[in-house]
Amino acid sequence: MALDSESRWRLVRKAKLKPVEPEGEITIRQAVVTDLGGVLEIYNFYVKNSAVTFDIEPMTLTDWREKFDWLTGLKMPFLVAVSPSGQLLGFAYVAPWRAKAAYRRTVEDSIYLRPAAIGKRVGTRLMQELLTAAKAAGVREVVAVISDRGADASIQLHKSFGFKSQGHLAKVGFKFERWLGTVLLQKSL
């Protein structure tokens, strides 16, 4: 059953109230295969309940394993944020922007947080480490493609790290019975 926009955001707000362990030091580290179950859980929450991803169907563990193998094979960073007790709080990675060889030093970033971790600076920590790791991997340009609906916090996070607005693409995706656009931001490393 599809939920209307307000019902989806009620779920997000409710999930943010669930306890997460902000106490103690959050660890940011390279993801490993055993993290992919948590990655799947976090990502599919957004697939089902928000327009921040344009995926419509939930991904499978096999999908994430293939993506993980591809990105690690390219030596691209794929990071996770983990609480002191080992709970996966979020993940971030960069992937090639386009397949053509001339784009090889340009990537698109992705960051997703467990709803209960939102507002606890986990995204800031992930972004900081992701940009450092991307630069070390030889990345020159990072592009962010962000939904123009419901992703204001993501836009602000990117801008706080020096991403500059490069434009807006209107009505390029259709999800939850409505047209959605994307905001494009870019940062040079």
Protein backbone atom coordinates (compact mmCIF):
# COMPACT_ATOMS: atom_id res chain seq x y z
CA MET A 1 0.00 0.00 0.00
CA ALA A 2 1.42 3.38 -1.02
CA LEU A 3 1.46 6.08 1.63
CA ASP A 4 0.72 9.72 1.00
CA SER A 5 3.51 12.24 1.56
CA GLU A 6 2.37 13.30 5.02
CA SER A 7 2.07 9.69 6.22
CA ARG A 8 5.58 8.92 4.96
CA TRP A 9 7.04 11.89 6.82
CA ARG A 10 5.13 10.92 9.98
CA LEU A 11 6.94 7.56 9.76
CA VAL A 12 10.28 9.33 9.34
CA ARG A 13 9.62 11.60 12.33
CA LYS A 14 8.53 8.60 14.43
CA ALA A 15 11.65 6.64 13.42
CA LYS A 16 13.83 9.60 14.44
CA LEU A 17 12.43 9.28 17.96
CA LYS A 18 13.61 5.68 18.32
CA PRO A 19 16.75 5.47 20.44
CA VAL A 20 20.08 5.45 18.72
CA GLU A 21 23.32 5.40 20.62
CA PRO A 22 24.88 8.83 20.15
CA GLU A 23 26.82 8.41 23.40
CA GLY A 24 30.46 7.55 22.89
CA GLU A 25 32.53 7.86 19.78
CA ILE A 26 30.95 6.98 16.46
CA THR A 27 33.34 5.09 14.21
CA ILE A 28 33.60 5.89 10.52
CA ARG A 29 35.28 3.08 8.61
CA GLN A 30 35.47 1.39 5.24
CA ALA A 31 32.41 -0.84 4.74
CA VAL A 32 32.80 -4.60 4.71
CA VAL A 33 30.49 -7.22 3.22
CA THR A 34 28.87 -7.94 6.60
CA ASP A 35 27.66 -4.29 6.72
CA LEU A 36 25.49 -4.72 3.65
CA GLY A 37 22.46 -6.02 5.57
CA GLY A 38 22.36 -2.76 7.52
CA VAL A 39 22.96 -0.76 4.32
CA LEU A 40 20.04 -2.59 2.71
CA GLU A 41 17.74 -1.86 5.67
CA ILE A 42 18.59 1.85 5.73
CA TYR A 43 18.37 2.35 1.97
CA ASN A 44 15.13 0.43 1.49
CA PHE A 45 13.48 2.55 4.19
CA TYR A 46 14.07 5.58 1.94
CA VAL A 47 12.99 3.71 -1.21
CA LYS A 48 9.65 2.88 0.39
CA ASN A 49 9.03 6.09 2.34
CA SER A 50 10.62 9.08 0.66
CA ALA A 51 11.50 10.80 -2.56
CA VAL A 52 15.16 11.28 -1.65
CA THR A 53 16.00 8.30 -3.82
CA PHE A 54 14.40 7.79 -7.19
CA ASP A 55 14.55 4.01 -6.84
CA ILE A 56 11.01 2.69 -6.74
CA GLU A 57 11.62 -0.98 -5.97
CA PRO A 58 13.57 -2.03 -2.86
CA MET A 59 17.06 -3.30 -3.55
CA THR A 60 18.18 -6.81 -2.61
CA LEU A 61 21.24 -7.95 -0.75
CA THR A 62 22.56 -9.29 -4.06
CA ASP A 63 22.13 -5.82 -5.63
CA TRP A 64 24.14 -4.24 -2.82
CA ARG A 65 26.81 -6.94 -2.99
CA GLU A 66 27.27 -6.27 -6.72
CA LYS A 67 27.45 -2.51 -6.14
CA PHE A 68 29.87 -2.98 -3.23
CA ASP A 69 32.13 -5.29 -5.28
CA TRP A 70 32.07 -2.88 -8.23
CA LEU A 71 32.94 0.19 -6.13
CA THR A 72 35.63 -1.51 -4.07
CA GLY A 73 37.05 -2.95 -7.31
CA LEU A 74 37.36 0.63 -8.57
CA LYS A 75 39.02 1.56 -5.24
CA MET A 76 36.23 4.03 -4.47
CA PRO A 77 35.41 4.74 -0.82
CA PHE A 78 32.33 3.08 0.65
CA LEU A 79 32.09 4.13 4.30
CA VAL A 80 29.84 3.27 7.22
CA ALA A 81 29.14 5.04 10.52
CA VAL A 82 28.89 2.65 13.44
CA SER A 83 27.75 3.28 17.03
CA PRO A 84 29.87 2.08 19.98
CA SER A 85 27.66 -1.03 20.25
CA GLY A 86 28.07 -1.82 16.55
CA GLN A 87 24.76 -0.48 15.20
CA LEU A 88 25.07 0.77 11.62
CA LEU A 89 23.96 4.43 11.72
CA GLY A 90 24.56 5.35 8.10
CA PHE A 91 26.65 4.86 5.00
CA ALA A 92 28.25 6.92 2.26
CA TYR A 93 30.00 6.16 -0.99
CA VAL A 94 31.09 7.70 -4.26
CA ALA A 95 30.45 6.15 -7.65
CA PRO A 96 31.55 7.13 -11.14
CA TRP A 97 29.53 10.05 -12.47
CA ARG A 98 29.37 8.66 -16.01
CA ALA A 99 30.83 5.65 -17.83
CA LYS A 100 32.88 7.57 -20.41
CA ALA A 101 36.63 7.61 -19.77
CA ALA A 102 36.94 11.41 -19.67
CA TYR A 103 34.74 11.42 -16.54
CA ARG A 104 37.05 9.05 -14.62
CA ARG A 105 37.99 11.65 -11.97
CA THR A 106 34.40 12.80 -11.38
CA VAL A 107 32.07 10.97 -8.99
CA GLU A 108 28.59 11.26 -7.53
CA ASP A 109 28.25 10.97 -3.77
CA SER A 110 25.51 9.25 -1.78
CA ILE A 111 24.86 9.46 1.96
CA TYR A 112 22.02 7.75 3.84
CA LEU A 113 21.36 7.69 7.58
CA ARG A 114 19.21 5.55 9.80
CA PRO A 115 16.31 7.93 10.59
CA ALA A 116 17.12 7.86 14.31
CA ALA A 117 20.65 9.13 13.51
CA ILE A 118 19.43 12.24 11.68
CA GLY A 119 20.36 15.48 13.43
CA LYS A 120 23.20 13.92 15.41
CA ARG A 121 26.05 15.02 13.10
CA VAL A 122 26.53 11.51 11.70
CA GLY A 123 26.05 12.84 8.16
CA THR A 124 28.64 15.55 8.79
CA ARG A 125 31.18 12.98 9.96
CA LEU A 126 30.45 10.71 7.00
CA MET A 127 30.77 13.57 4.51
CA GLN A 128 34.05 14.74 6.02
CA GLU A 129 35.59 11.27 5.80
CA LEU A 130 34.09 10.56 2.37
CA LEU A 131 35.59 13.68 0.81
CA THR A 132 38.99 12.92 2.34
CA ALA A 133 38.88 9.32 1.09
CA ALA A 134 37.66 10.39 -2.36
CA LYS A 135 40.52 12.84 -2.74
CA ALA A 136 43.00 10.14 -1.69
CA ALA A 137 41.46 7.88 -4.37
CA GLY A 138 42.27 10.47 -7.06
CA VAL A 139 38.84 12.04 -7.37
CA ARG A 140 38.88 15.62 -8.65
CA GLU A 141 35.18 16.57 -8.77
CA VAL A 142 32.23 15.42 -6.66
CA VAL A 143 28.70 15.89 -7.96
CA ALA A 144 25.61 15.67 -5.77
CA VAL A 145 22.26 14.91 -7.41
CA ILE A 146 19.63 15.57 -4.75
CA SER A 147 15.85 15.35 -4.92
CA ASP A 148 14.15 18.73 -4.94
CA ARG A 149 11.49 17.38 -2.54
CA GLY A 150 12.19 16.46 1.07
CA ALA A 151 15.99 16.66 0.95
CA ASP A 152 16.63 20.16 2.33
CA ALA A 153 18.96 18.78 5.03
CA SER A 154 21.06 17.02 2.39
CA ILE A 155 21.32 20.20 0.32
CA GLN A 156 22.39 22.15 3.42
CA LEU A 157 24.94 19.49 4.37
CA HIS A 158 26.52 19.63 0.94
CA LYS A 159 26.59 23.42 0.90
CA SER A 160 28.24 23.44 4.33
CA PHE A 161 31.10 21.47 2.77
CA GLY A 162 31.53 23.95 -0.05
CA PHE A 163 29.39 22.34 -2.74
CA LYS A 164 28.16 24.97 -5.18
CA SER A 165 24.79 24.95 -6.89
CA GLN A 166 25.06 24.01 -10.55
CA GLY A 167 21.41 23.91 -11.49
CA HIS A 168 18.02 22.29 -11.21
CA LEU A 169 16.44 19.65 -13.42
CA ALA A 170 12.65 19.81 -13.16
CA LYS A 171 10.33 16.82 -13.51
CA VAL A 172 12.99 14.21 -14.31
CA GLY A 173 11.61 11.49 -11.99
CA PHE A 174 8.16 10.15 -11.24
CA LYS A 175 7.54 8.57 -7.81
CA PHE A 176 4.56 8.41 -5.46
CA GLU A 177 2.27 9.64 -8.22
CA ARG A 178 4.08 12.95 -8.71
CA TRP A 179 6.88 14.45 -10.76
CA LEU A 180 10.14 15.21 -9.00
CA GLY A 181 13.20 17.19 -9.93
CA THR A 182 16.82 17.20 -8.87
CA VAL A 183 19.18 19.83 -7.56
CA LEU A 184 22.76 19.57 -8.84
CA LEU A 185 25.70 20.62 -6.67
CA GLN A 186 29.43 20.24 -7.26
CA LYS A 187 32.66 20.44 -5.29
CA SER A 188 36.28 20.45 -6.49
CA LEU A 189 38.70 18.51 -4.32
